[in-house]
PDB file of N, CA and C in Angstrom:
ATOM      1  N   MET A   1       0.849  -1.183   0.000  1.00  0.00           N
ATOM      2  CA  MET A   1       0.000   0.000   0.000  1.00  0.00           C
ATOM      3  C   MET A   1       0.891   1.242   0.000  1.00  0.00           C
ATOM      4  N   MET A   2       0.483   2.263  -0.753  1.00  0.00           N
ATOM      5  CA  MET A   2       1.206   3.526  -0.764  1.00  0.00           C
ATOM      6  C   MET A   2       1.073   4.225   0.571  1.00  0.00           C
ATOM      7  N   ARG A   3       2.114   4.945   0.949  1.00  0.00           N
ATOM      8  CA  ARG A   3       2.066   5.715   2.184  1.00  0.00           C
ATOM      9  C   ARG A   3       1.926   7.188   1.837  1.00  0.00           C
ATOM     10  N   PHE A   4       1.050   7.863   2.561  1.00  0.00           N
ATOM     11  CA  PHE A   4       0.808   9.278   2.348  1.00  0.00           C
ATOM     12  C   PHE A   4       0.956   9.995   3.676  1.00  0.00           C
ATOM     13  N   ASN A   5       1.430  11.209   3.617  1.00  0.00           N
ATOM     14  CA  ASN A   5       1.502  12.049   4.804  1.00  0.00           C
ATOM     15  C   ASN A   5       0.187  12.828   4.886  1.00  0.00           C
ATOM     16  N   LEU A   6      -0.836  12.165   5.418  1.00  0.00           N
ATOM     17  CA  LEU A   6      -2.176  12.743   5.457  1.00  0.00           C
ATOM     18  C   LEU A   6      -2.318  13.740   6.602  1.00  0.00           C
ATOM     19  N   PRO A   7      -3.189  14.730   6.443  1.00  0.00           N
ATOM     20  CA  PRO A   7      -3.448  15.662   7.546  1.00  0.00           C
ATOM     21  C   PRO A   7      -3.990  14.911   8.764  1.00  0.00           C
ATOM     22  N   LYS A   8      -3.783  15.503   9.939  1.00  0.00           N
ATOM     23  CA  LYS A   8      -4.294  14.893  11.168  1.00  0.00           C
ATOM     24  C   LYS A   8      -5.814  14.932  11.171  1.00  0.00           C
ATOM     25  N   SER A   9      -6.381  13.841  11.630  1.00  0.00           N
ATOM     26  CA  SER A   9      -7.822  13.739  11.745  1.00  0.00           C
ATOM     27  C   SER A   9      -8.129  12.610  12.712  1.00  0.00           C
ATOM     28  N   ASN A  10      -9.364  12.507  13.119  1.00  0.00           N
ATOM     29  CA  ASN A  10      -9.773  11.472  14.056  1.00  0.00           C
ATOM     30  C   ASN A  10     -10.564  10.390  13.353  1.00  0.00           C
ATOM     31  N   ALA A  11     -10.512   9.182  13.892  1.00  0.00           N
ATOM     32  CA  ALA A  11     -11.268   8.065  13.340  1.00  0.00           C
ATOM     33  C   ALA A  11     -12.755   8.410  13.308  1.00  0.00           C
ATOM     34  N   GLY A  12     -13.399   7.977  12.260  1.00  0.00           N
ATOM     35  CA  GLY A  12     -14.836   8.187  12.141  1.00  0.00           C
ATOM     36  C   GLY A  12     -15.239   9.518  11.543  1.00  0.00           C
ATOM     37  N   ARG A  13     -14.282  10.386  11.262  1.00  0.00           N
ATOM     38  CA  ARG A  13     -14.608  11.681  10.667  1.00  0.00           C
ATOM     39  C   ARG A  13     -14.960  11.504   9.202  1.00  0.00           C
ATOM     40  N   ARG A  14     -15.826  12.375   8.730  1.00  0.00           N
ATOM     41  CA  ARG A  14     -16.227  12.381   7.325  1.00  0.00           C
ATOM     42  C   ARG A  14     -15.436  13.476   6.622  1.00  0.00           C
ATOM     43  N   VAL A  15     -14.617  13.050   5.660  1.00  0.00           N
ATOM     44  CA  VAL A  15     -13.688  13.965   5.006  1.00  0.00           C
ATOM     45  C   VAL A  15     -13.956  13.992   3.511  1.00  0.00           C
ATOM     46  N   GLY A  16     -14.092  15.208   2.956  1.00  0.00           N
ATOM     47  CA  GLY A  16     -14.223  15.384   1.513  1.00  0.00           C
ATOM     48  C   GLY A  16     -12.861  15.708   0.925  1.00  0.00           C
ATOM     49  N   LEU A  17     -12.579  15.158  -0.229  1.00  0.00           N
ATOM     50  CA  LEU A  17     -11.307  15.407  -0.908  1.00  0.00           C
ATOM     51  C   LEU A  17     -11.571  16.224  -2.162  1.00  0.00           C
ATOM     52  N   LEU A  18     -10.905  17.373  -2.274  1.00  0.00           N
ATOM     53  CA  LEU A  18     -11.022  18.219  -3.460  1.00  0.00           C
ATOM     54  C   LEU A  18      -9.635  18.322  -4.076  1.00  0.00           C
ATOM     55  N   GLY A  19      -9.432  17.606  -5.164  1.00  0.00           N
ATOM     56  CA  GLY A  19      -8.125  17.576  -5.804  1.00  0.00           C
ATOM     57  C   GLY A  19      -8.043  18.500  -6.993  1.00  0.00           C
ATOM     58  N   GLY A  20      -6.849  18.987  -7.267  1.00  0.00           N
ATOM     59  CA  GLY A  20      -6.622  19.830  -8.437  1.00  0.00           C
ATOM     60  C   GLY A  20      -5.305  20.572  -8.338  1.00  0.00           C
ATOM     61  N   SER A  21      -5.004  21.330  -9.378  1.00  0.00           N
ATOM     62  CA  SER A  21      -3.755  22.093  -9.375  1.00  0.00           C
ATOM     63  C   SER A  21      -3.897  23.404  -8.601  1.00  0.00           C
ATOM     64  N   PHE A  22      -5.125  23.887  -8.427  1.00  0.00           N
ATOM     65  CA  PHE A  22      -5.371  25.144  -7.709  1.00  0.00           C
ATOM     66  C   PHE A  22      -4.436  26.236  -8.227  1.00  0.00           C
ATOM     67  N   ASP A  23      -4.465  26.427  -9.548  1.00  0.00           N
ATOM     68  CA  ASP A  23      -3.551  27.361 -10.204  1.00  0.00           C
ATOM     69  C   ASP A  23      -4.332  28.439 -10.954  1.00  0.00           C
ATOM     70  N   PRO A  24      -4.800  29.416 -10.200  1.00  0.00           N
ATOM     71  CA  PRO A  24      -4.676  29.629  -8.757  1.00  0.00           C
ATOM     72  C   PRO A  24      -5.935  29.158  -8.014  1.00  0.00           C
ATOM     73  N   ALA A  25      -5.810  29.022  -6.707  1.00  0.00           N
ATOM     74  CA  ALA A  25      -6.977  28.776  -5.862  1.00  0.00           C
ATOM     75  C   ALA A  25      -7.842  30.040  -5.907  1.00  0.00           C
ATOM     76  N   HIS A  26      -9.182  29.857  -5.878  1.00  0.00           N
ATOM     77  CA  HIS A  26     -10.062  31.023  -5.983  1.00  0.00           C
ATOM     78  C   HIS A  26     -11.342  30.789  -5.184  1.00  0.00           C
ATOM     79  N   GLU A  27     -12.205  31.784  -5.175  1.00  0.00           N
ATOM     80  CA  GLU A  27     -13.449  31.738  -4.392  1.00  0.00           C
ATOM     81  C   GLU A  27     -14.354  30.575  -4.800  1.00  0.00           C
ATOM     82  N   GLY A  28     -14.295  30.151  -6.049  1.00  0.00           N
ATOM     83  CA  GLY A  28     -15.077  29.002  -6.487  1.00  0.00           C
ATOM     84  C   GLY A  28     -14.702  27.743  -5.712  1.00  0.00           C
ATOM     85  N   HIS A  29     -13.399  27.553  -5.492  1.00  0.00           N
ATOM     86  CA  HIS A  29     -12.939  26.419  -4.695  1.00  0.00           C
ATOM     87  C   HIS A  29     -13.452  26.522  -3.256  1.00  0.00           C
ATOM     88  N   VAL A  30     -13.437  27.739  -2.732  1.00  0.00           N
ATOM     89  CA  VAL A  30     -13.920  27.962  -1.365  1.00  0.00           C
ATOM     90  C   VAL A  30     -15.402  27.625  -1.282  1.00  0.00           C
ATOM     91  N   ARG A  31     -16.197  28.102  -2.226  1.00  0.00           N
ATOM     92  CA  ARG A  31     -17.650  27.865  -2.208  1.00  0.00           C
ATOM     93  C   ARG A  31     -17.982  26.381  -2.353  1.00  0.00           C
ATOM     94  N   ILE A  32     -17.274  25.692  -3.249  1.00  0.00           N
ATOM     95  CA  ILE A  32     -17.481  24.250  -3.408  1.00  0.00           C
ATOM     96  C   ILE A  32     -17.220  23.543  -2.080  1.00  0.00           C
ATOM     97  N   SER A  33     -16.150  23.923  -1.419  1.00  0.00           N
ATOM     98  CA  SER A  33     -15.775  23.296  -0.145  1.00  0.00           C
ATOM     99  C   SER A  33     -16.803  23.577   0.941  1.00  0.00           C
ATOM    100  N   GLU A  34     -17.252  24.821   1.019  1.00  0.00           N
ATOM    101  CA  GLU A  34     -18.259  25.181   2.026  1.00  0.00           C
ATOM    102  C   GLU A  34     -19.576  24.441   1.785  1.00  0.00           C
ATOM    103  N   GLN A  35     -19.968  24.338   0.525  1.00  0.00           N
ATOM    104  CA  GLN A  35     -21.202  23.618   0.199  1.00  0.00           C
ATOM    105  C   GLN A  35     -21.057  22.121   0.495  1.00  0.00           C
ATOM    106  N   ALA A  36     -19.905  21.553   0.191  1.00  0.00           N
ATOM    107  CA  ALA A  36     -19.674  20.126   0.473  1.00  0.00           C
ATOM    108  C   ALA A  36     -19.753  19.858   1.973  1.00  0.00           C
ATOM    109  N   LEU A  37     -19.189  20.763   2.784  1.00  0.00           N
ATOM    110  CA  LEU A  37     -19.263  20.600   4.241  1.00  0.00           C
ATOM    111  C   LEU A  37     -20.719  20.502   4.695  1.00  0.00           C
ATOM    112  N   LYS A  38     -21.556  21.373   4.144  1.00  0.00           N
ATOM    113  CA  LYS A  38     -22.969  21.416   4.541  1.00  0.00           C
ATOM    114  C   LYS A  38     -23.775  20.267   3.943  1.00  0.00           C
ATOM    115  N   ARG A  39     -23.713  20.125   2.637  1.00  0.00           N
ATOM    116  CA  ARG A  39     -24.588  19.168   1.941  1.00  0.00           C
ATOM    117  C   ARG A  39     -24.281  17.711   2.252  1.00  0.00           C
ATOM    118  N   PHE A  40     -23.001  17.409   2.480  1.00  0.00           N
ATOM    119  CA  PHE A  40     -22.613  16.024   2.751  1.00  0.00           C
ATOM    120  C   PHE A  40     -22.327  15.792   4.230  1.00  0.00           C
ATOM    121  N   ASP A  41     -22.606  16.797   5.053  1.00  0.00           N
ATOM    122  CA  ASP A  41     -22.390  16.694   6.494  1.00  0.00           C
ATOM    123  C   ASP A  41     -20.966  16.229   6.805  1.00  0.00           C
ATOM    124  N   LEU A  42     -19.992  16.913   6.201  1.00  0.00           N
ATOM    125  CA  LEU A  42     -18.586  16.555   6.368  1.00  0.00           C
ATOM    126  C   LEU A  42     -17.987  17.241   7.591  1.00  0.00           C
ATOM    127  N   ASP A  43     -17.002  16.604   8.163  1.00  0.00           N
ATOM    128  CA  ASP A  43     -16.249  17.214   9.256  1.00  0.00           C
ATOM    129  C   ASP A  43     -15.128  18.104   8.722  1.00  0.00           C
ATOM    130  N   GLN A  44     -14.561  17.707   7.588  1.00  0.00           N
ATOM    131  CA  GLN A  44     -13.471  18.466   6.975  1.00  0.00           C
ATOM    132  C   GLN A  44     -13.522  18.301   5.460  1.00  0.00           C
ATOM    133  N   VAL A  45     -12.896  19.247   4.764  1.00  0.00           N
ATOM    134  CA  VAL A  45     -12.583  19.107   3.344  1.00  0.00           C
ATOM    135  C   VAL A  45     -11.085  19.322   3.224  1.00  0.00           C
ATOM    136  N   TRP A  46     -10.416  18.376   2.573  1.00  0.00           N
ATOM    137  CA  TRP A  46      -8.979  18.504   2.322  1.00  0.00           C
ATOM    138  C   TRP A  46      -8.774  18.910   0.874  1.00  0.00           C
ATOM    139  N   TRP A  47      -8.065  20.026   0.671  1.00  0.00           N
ATOM    140  CA  TRP A  47      -7.662  20.415  -0.682  1.00  0.00           C
ATOM    141  C   TRP A  47      -6.364  19.679  -0.976  1.00  0.00           C
ATOM    142  N   LEU A  48      -6.340  18.912  -2.038  1.00  0.00           N
ATOM    143  CA  LEU A  48      -5.168  18.145  -2.447  1.00  0.00           C
ATOM    144  C   LEU A  48      -4.505  18.892  -3.602  1.00  0.00           C
ATOM    145  N   VAL A  49      -3.590  19.778  -3.275  1.00  0.00           N
ATOM    146  CA  VAL A  49      -2.913  20.588  -4.292  1.00  0.00           C
ATOM    147  C   VAL A  49      -1.878  19.698  -4.973  1.00  0.00           C
ATOM    148  N   SER A  50      -2.139  19.385  -6.244  1.00  0.00           N
ATOM    149  CA  SER A  50      -1.286  18.431  -6.953  1.00  0.00           C
ATOM    150  C   SER A  50      -0.058  19.105  -7.553  1.00  0.00           C
ATOM    151  N   PRO A  51       1.029  18.343  -7.672  1.00  0.00           N
ATOM    152  CA  PRO A  51       2.256  18.899  -8.241  1.00  0.00           C
ATOM    153  C   PRO A  51       2.108  19.323  -9.697  1.00  0.00           C
ATOM    154  N   ALA A  52       1.228  18.656 -10.441  1.00  0.00           N
ATOM    155  CA  ALA A  52       1.061  18.949 -11.870  1.00  0.00           C
ATOM    156  C   ALA A  52      -0.382  18.667 -12.270  1.00  0.00           C
ATOM    157  N   ASN A  53      -0.730  19.132 -13.461  1.00  0.00           N
ATOM    158  CA  ASN A  53      -2.057  18.852 -13.998  1.00  0.00           C
ATOM    159  C   ASN A  53      -1.881  18.355 -15.435  1.00  0.00           C
ATOM    160  N   PRO A  54      -2.083  17.053 -15.658  1.00  0.00           N
ATOM    161  CA  PRO A  54      -1.881  16.510 -17.006  1.00  0.00           C
ATOM    162  C   PRO A  54      -2.915  17.005 -18.022  1.00  0.00           C
ATOM    163  N   LEU A  55      -3.970  17.668 -17.556  1.00  0.00           N
ATOM    164  CA  LEU A  55      -5.006  18.161 -18.465  1.00  0.00           C
ATOM    165  C   LEU A  55      -4.700  19.544 -19.020  1.00  0.00           C
ATOM    166  N   LYS A  56      -3.684  20.203 -18.473  1.00  0.00           N
ATOM    167  CA  LYS A  56      -3.342  21.554 -18.934  1.00  0.00           C
ATOM    168  C   LYS A  56      -2.040  21.512 -19.730  1.00  0.00           C
ATOM    169  N   PRO A  57      -1.974  22.272 -20.833  1.00  0.00           N
ATOM    170  CA  PRO A  57      -0.782  22.226 -21.685  1.00  0.00           C
ATOM    171  C   PRO A  57       0.465  22.816 -21.031  1.00  0.00           C
ATOM    172  N   GLN A  58       0.313  23.800 -20.162  1.00  0.00           N
ATOM    173  CA  GLN A  58       1.461  24.412 -19.493  1.00  0.00           C
ATOM    174  C   GLN A  58       1.543  23.912 -18.060  1.00  0.00           C
ATOM    175  N   GLY A  59       2.759  23.850 -17.559  1.00  0.00           N
ATOM    176  CA  GLY A  59       2.937  23.457 -16.168  1.00  0.00           C
ATOM    177  C   GLY A  59       2.382  24.532 -15.243  1.00  0.00           C
ATOM    178  N   PRO A  60       1.934  24.142 -14.056  1.00  0.00           N
ATOM    179  CA  PRO A  60       1.389  25.122 -13.115  1.00  0.00           C
ATOM    180  C   PRO A  60       2.495  25.946 -12.456  1.00  0.00           C
ATOM    181  N   ALA A  61       2.091  26.966 -11.729  1.00  0.00           N
ATOM    182  CA  ALA A  61       3.045  27.747 -10.924  1.00  0.00           C
ATOM    183  C   ALA A  61       3.704  26.800  -9.926  1.00  0.00           C
ATOM    184  N   PRO A  62       4.826  27.197  -9.340  1.00  0.00           N
ATOM    185  CA  PRO A  62       5.494  26.329  -8.361  1.00  0.00           C
ATOM    186  C   PRO A  62       4.539  25.915  -7.233  1.00  0.00           C
ATOM    187  N   LEU A  63       4.647  24.668  -6.828  1.00  0.00           N
ATOM    188  CA  LEU A  63       3.748  24.089  -5.837  1.00  0.00           C
ATOM    189  C   LEU A  63       3.732  24.883  -4.533  1.00  0.00           C
ATOM    190  N   ASP A  64       4.887  25.280  -4.045  1.00  0.00           N
ATOM    191  CA  ASP A  64       4.925  26.009  -2.764  1.00  0.00           C
ATOM    192  C   ASP A  64       4.169  27.332  -2.846  1.00  0.00           C
ATOM    193  N   LYS A  65       4.215  27.988  -3.985  1.00  0.00           N
ATOM    194  CA  LYS A  65       3.479  29.246  -4.164  1.00  0.00           C
ATOM    195  C   LYS A  65       1.974  28.999  -4.216  1.00  0.00           C
ATOM    196  N   ARG A  66       1.544  27.914  -4.881  1.00  0.00           N
ATOM    197  CA  ARG A  66       0.115  27.601  -4.952  1.00  0.00           C
ATOM    198  C   ARG A  66      -0.438  27.206  -3.584  1.00  0.00           C
ATOM    199  N   VAL A  67       0.332  26.441  -2.821  1.00  0.00           N
ATOM    200  CA  VAL A  67      -0.095  26.048  -1.472  1.00  0.00           C
ATOM    201  C   VAL A  67      -0.180  27.283  -0.579  1.00  0.00           C
ATOM    202  N   ALA A  68       0.813  28.155  -0.647  1.00  0.00           N
ATOM    203  CA  ALA A  68       0.812  29.374   0.172  1.00  0.00           C
ATOM    204  C   ALA A  68      -0.381  30.262  -0.183  1.00  0.00           C
ATOM    205  N   HIS A  69      -0.664  30.403  -1.475  1.00  0.00           N
ATOM    206  CA  HIS A  69      -1.810  31.220  -1.898  1.00  0.00           C
ATOM    207  C   HIS A  69      -3.114  30.618  -1.376  1.00  0.00           C
ATOM    208  N   ALA A  70      -3.260  29.309  -1.487  1.00  0.00           N
ATOM    209  CA  ALA A  70      -4.480  28.640  -1.015  1.00  0.00           C
ATOM    210  C   ALA A  70      -4.648  28.849   0.496  1.00  0.00           C
ATOM    211  N   LYS A  71      -3.575  28.759   1.240  1.00  0.00           N
ATOM    212  CA  LYS A  71      -3.650  28.954   2.698  1.00  0.00           C
ATOM    213  C   LYS A  71      -4.037  30.382   3.054  1.00  0.00           C
ATOM    214  N   ARG A  72      -3.573  31.354   2.267  1.00  0.00           N
ATOM    215  CA  ARG A  72      -3.967  32.748   2.507  1.00  0.00           C
ATOM    216  C   ARG A  72      -5.439  32.966   2.186  1.00  0.00           C
ATOM    217  N   LEU A  73      -5.949  32.248   1.187  1.00  0.00           N
ATOM    218  CA  LEU A  73      -7.334  32.407   0.745  1.00  0.00           C
ATOM    219  C   LEU A  73      -8.325  31.815   1.750  1.00  0.00           C
ATOM    220  N   ILE A  74      -7.960  30.738   2.394  1.00  0.00           N
ATOM    221  CA  ILE A  74      -8.875  30.004   3.277  1.00  0.00           C
ATOM    222  C   ILE A  74      -8.866  30.574   4.681  1.00  0.00           C
ATOM    223  N   ASP A  75     -10.059  30.833   5.173  1.00  0.00           N
ATOM    224  CA  ASP A  75     -10.240  31.253   6.564  1.00  0.00           C
ATOM    225  C   ASP A  75     -11.359  30.402   7.154  1.00  0.00           C
ATOM    226  N   HIS A  76     -11.128  29.097   7.156  1.00  0.00           N
ATOM    227  CA  HIS A  76     -12.140  28.166   7.640  1.00  0.00           C
ATOM    228  C   HIS A  76     -11.431  27.035   8.379  1.00  0.00           C
ATOM    229  N   PRO A  77     -11.802  26.785   9.627  1.00  0.00           N
ATOM    230  CA  PRO A  77     -11.088  25.781  10.423  1.00  0.00           C
ATOM    231  C   PRO A  77     -11.261  24.340   9.933  1.00  0.00           C
ATOM    232  N   ARG A  78     -12.269  24.100   9.085  1.00  0.00           N
ATOM    233  CA  ARG A  78     -12.512  22.725   8.643  1.00  0.00           C
ATOM    234  C   ARG A  78     -12.083  22.467   7.197  1.00  0.00           C
ATOM    235  N   ILE A  79     -11.408  23.447   6.583  1.00  0.00           N
ATOM    236  CA  ILE A  79     -10.845  23.260   5.244  1.00  0.00           C
ATOM    237  C   ILE A  79      -9.332  23.224   5.395  1.00  0.00           C
ATOM    238  N   VAL A  80      -8.743  22.099   4.991  1.00  0.00           N
ATOM    239  CA  VAL A  80      -7.317  21.842   5.196  1.00  0.00           C
ATOM    240  C   VAL A  80      -6.613  21.844   3.842  1.00  0.00           C
ATOM    241  N   ILE A  81      -5.546  22.627   3.733  1.00  0.00           N
ATOM    242  CA  ILE A  81      -4.758  22.699   2.501  1.00  0.00           C
ATOM    243  C   ILE A  81      -3.576  21.747   2.649  1.00  0.00           C
ATOM    244  N   THR A  82      -3.374  20.891   1.644  1.00  0.00           N
ATOM    245  CA  THR A  82      -2.282  19.921   1.718  1.00  0.00           C
ATOM    246  C   THR A  82      -1.674  19.658   0.344  1.00  0.00           C
ATOM    247  N   ASP A  83      -0.406  19.322   0.350  1.00  0.00           N
ATOM    248  CA  ASP A  83       0.276  18.865  -0.867  1.00  0.00           C
ATOM    249  C   ASP A  83       0.622  17.386  -0.690  1.00  0.00           C
ATOM    250  N   VAL A  84      -0.315  16.641  -0.156  1.00  0.00           N
ATOM    251  CA  VAL A  84      -0.121  15.243   0.236  1.00  0.00           C
ATOM    252  C   VAL A  84       0.370  14.363  -0.906  1.00  0.00           C
ATOM    253  N   GLU A  85       0.095  14.722  -2.144  1.00  0.00           N
ATOM    254  CA  GLU A  85       0.539  13.899  -3.277  1.00  0.00           C
ATOM    255  C   GLU A  85       2.044  13.968  -3.483  1.00  0.00           C
ATOM    256  N   THR A  86       2.669  15.050  -3.126  1.00  0.00           N
ATOM    257  CA  THR A  86       4.078  15.269  -3.431  1.00  0.00           C
ATOM    258  C   THR A  86       5.014  14.234  -2.809  1.00  0.00           C
ATOM    259  N   PRO A  87       4.920  13.919  -1.519  1.00  0.00           N
ATOM    260  CA  PRO A  87       5.857  12.961  -0.936  1.00  0.00           C
ATOM    261  C   PRO A  87       5.769  11.553  -1.516  1.00  0.00           C
ATOM    262  N   ALA A  88       4.676  11.209  -2.157  1.00  0.00           N
ATOM    263  CA  ALA A  88       4.545   9.873  -2.736  1.00  0.00           C
ATOM    264  C   ALA A  88       5.577   9.647  -3.833  1.00  0.00           C
ATOM    265  N   GLY A  89       6.054  10.745  -4.446  1.00  0.00           N
ATOM    266  CA  GLY A  89       7.125  10.653  -5.423  1.00  0.00           C
ATOM    267  C   GLY A  89       6.703  10.164  -6.804  1.00  0.00           C
ATOM    268  N   HIS A  90       5.435   9.994  -7.024  1.00  0.00           N
ATOM    269  CA  HIS A  90       4.948   9.568  -8.323  1.00  0.00           C
ATOM    270  C   HIS A  90       3.486   9.946  -8.466  1.00  0.00           C
ATOM    271  N   LYS A  91       2.967   9.728  -9.656  1.00  0.00           N
ATOM    272  CA  LYS A  91       1.587  10.107  -9.940  1.00  0.00           C
ATOM    273  C   LYS A  91       0.628   9.353  -9.013  1.00  0.00           C
ATOM    274  N   VAL A  92      -0.274  10.088  -8.410  1.00  0.00           N
ATOM    275  CA  VAL A  92      -1.237   9.505  -7.482  1.00  0.00           C
ATOM    276  C   VAL A  92      -2.637   9.785  -8.005  1.00  0.00           C
ATOM    277  N   HIS A  93      -3.481   8.791  -7.988  1.00  0.00           N
ATOM    278  CA  HIS A  93      -4.879   8.968  -8.371  1.00  0.00           C
ATOM    279  C   HIS A  93      -5.695   9.232  -7.122  1.00  0.00           C
ATOM    280  N   LEU A  94      -6.688  10.089  -7.252  1.00  0.00           N
ATOM    281  CA  LEU A  94      -7.519  10.469  -6.117  1.00  0.00           C
ATOM    282  C   LEU A  94      -8.135   9.245  -5.441  1.00  0.00           C
ATOM    283  N   ARG A  95      -8.508   8.242  -6.217  1.00  0.00           N
ATOM    284  CA  ARG A  95      -9.129   7.056  -5.605  1.00  0.00           C
ATOM    285  C   ARG A  95      -8.128   6.305  -4.729  1.00  0.00           C
ATOM    286  N   GLN A  96      -6.814   6.312  -5.090  1.00  0.00           N
ATOM    287  CA  GLN A  96      -5.804   5.672  -4.249  1.00  0.00           C
ATOM    288  C   GLN A  96      -5.698   6.393  -2.914  1.00  0.00           C
ATOM    289  N   LEU A  97      -5.715   7.704  -2.978  1.00  0.00           N
ATOM    290  CA  LEU A  97      -5.630   8.504  -1.767  1.00  0.00           C
ATOM    291  C   LEU A  97      -6.871   8.317  -0.909  1.00  0.00           C
ATOM    292  N   ALA A  98      -8.041   8.256  -1.534  1.00  0.00           N
ATOM    293  CA  ALA A  98      -9.287   8.044  -0.792  1.00  0.00           C
ATOM    294  C   ALA A  98      -9.252   6.697  -0.078  1.00  0.00           C
ATOM    295  N   CYS A  99      -8.754   5.674  -0.754  1.00  0.00           N
ATOM    296  CA  CYS A  99      -8.657   4.354  -0.128  1.00  0.00           C
ATOM    297  C   CYS A  99      -7.671   4.381   1.036  1.00  0.00           C
ATOM    298  N   ALA A 100      -6.533   5.056   0.856  1.00  0.00           N
ATOM    299  CA  ALA A 100      -5.547   5.138   1.933  1.00  0.00           C
ATOM    300  C   ALA A 100      -6.124   5.878   3.130  1.00  0.00           C
ATOM    301  N   ALA A 101      -6.807   6.981   2.892  1.00  0.00           N
ATOM    302  CA  ALA A 101      -7.407   7.741   3.994  1.00  0.00           C
ATOM    303  C   ALA A 101      -8.445   6.889   4.711  1.00  0.00           C
ATOM    304  N   GLY A 102      -9.264   6.189   3.946  1.00  0.00           N
ATOM    305  CA  GLY A 102     -10.300   5.342   4.538  1.00  0.00           C
ATOM    306  C   GLY A 102      -9.701   4.193   5.328  1.00  0.00           C
ATOM    307  N   ASP A 103      -8.641   3.575   4.800  1.00  0.00           N
ATOM    308  CA  ASP A 103      -8.008   2.451   5.480  1.00  0.00           C
ATOM    309  C   ASP A 103      -7.281   2.888   6.743  1.00  0.00           C
ATOM    310  N   LEU A 104      -6.583   4.009   6.672  1.00  0.00           N
ATOM    311  CA  LEU A 104      -5.770   4.430   7.804  1.00  0.00           C
ATOM    312  C   LEU A 104      -6.584   5.050   8.928  1.00  0.00           C
ATOM    313  N   PHE A 105      -7.593   5.813   8.585  1.00  0.00           N
ATOM    314  CA  PHE A 105      -8.330   6.540   9.606  1.00  0.00           C
ATOM    315  C   PHE A 105      -9.765   6.062   9.773  1.00  0.00           C
ATOM    316  N   HIS A 106     -10.188   5.080   8.999  1.00  0.00           N
ATOM    317  CA  HIS A 106     -11.559   4.563   9.052  1.00  0.00           C
ATOM    318  C   HIS A 106     -12.574   5.675   8.816  1.00  0.00           C
ATOM    319  N   HIS A 107     -12.241   6.589   7.903  1.00  0.00           N
ATOM    320  CA  HIS A 107     -13.145   7.679   7.538  1.00  0.00           C
ATOM    321  C   HIS A 107     -14.227   7.176   6.599  1.00  0.00           C
ATOM    322  N   ALA A 108     -15.338   7.833   6.644  1.00  0.00           N
ATOM    323  CA  ALA A 108     -16.285   7.728   5.544  1.00  0.00           C
ATOM    324  C   ALA A 108     -15.860   8.838   4.578  1.00  0.00           C
ATOM    325  N   VAL A 109     -15.130   8.508   3.535  1.00  0.00           N
ATOM    326  CA  VAL A 109     -14.546   9.505   2.643  1.00  0.00           C
ATOM    327  C   VAL A 109     -15.496   9.804   1.502  1.00  0.00           C
ATOM    328  N   HIS A 110     -15.791  11.057   1.304  1.00  0.00           N
ATOM    329  CA  HIS A 110     -16.609  11.502   0.182  1.00  0.00           C
ATOM    330  C   HIS A 110     -15.715  12.274  -0.777  1.00  0.00           C
ATOM    331  N   LEU A 111     -15.901  12.058  -2.049  1.00  0.00           N
ATOM    332  CA  LEU A 111     -15.082  12.729  -3.042  1.00  0.00           C
ATOM    333  C   LEU A 111     -15.766  13.965  -3.574  1.00  0.00           C
ATOM    334  N   ALA A 112     -15.077  15.073  -3.507  1.00  0.00           N
ATOM    335  CA  ALA A 112     -15.486  16.299  -4.190  1.00  0.00           C
ATOM    336  C   ALA A 112     -14.484  16.440  -5.314  1.00  0.00           C
ATOM    337  N   TYR A 113     -14.952  16.351  -6.539  1.00  0.00           N
ATOM    338  CA  TYR A 113     -14.030  16.249  -7.667  1.00  0.00           C
ATOM    339  C   TYR A 113     -14.066  17.497  -8.503  1.00  0.00           C
ATOM    340  N   GLY A 114     -12.930  18.170  -8.654  1.00  0.00           N
ATOM    341  CA  GLY A 114     -12.846  19.381  -9.450  1.00  0.00           C
ATOM    342  C   GLY A 114     -12.591  19.079 -10.902  1.00  0.00           C
ATOM    343  N   GLY A 115     -12.957  19.986 -11.747  1.00  0.00           N
ATOM    344  CA  GLY A 115     -12.730  19.821 -13.176  1.00  0.00           C
ATOM    345  C   GLY A 115     -11.957  20.983 -13.731  1.00  0.00           C
ATOM    346  N   ARG A 116     -11.787  20.981 -15.004  1.00  0.00           N
ATOM    347  CA  ARG A 116     -10.985  22.007 -15.652  1.00  0.00           C
ATOM    348  C   ARG A 116     -11.862  23.097 -16.148  1.00  0.00           C
TER     349      ARG A 116
END
């Protein structure tokens, strides 16, 4: 099984995963996250800021800058910004991460899936 450096959370929590390049993160991402918290009765939403986006022709801005921008944009205690895909050292699919989160923390994981 792949190992991920997942954000801290407690067993039994309901966590939504919102993956994407967040290049740049914007109010639309915030609104999606806030609505997911309410509509799916989630305890947290984790933003999974990916190192790259294979759907875009140009590479994104540097990862550290995108993560820093996302953290400045968010003012919500239940929305967590993470670059959890980076330490894996290779391409990670959201479903692999969802399975790892569910296996490690026994979460009921709900997927919030961003598009281009």
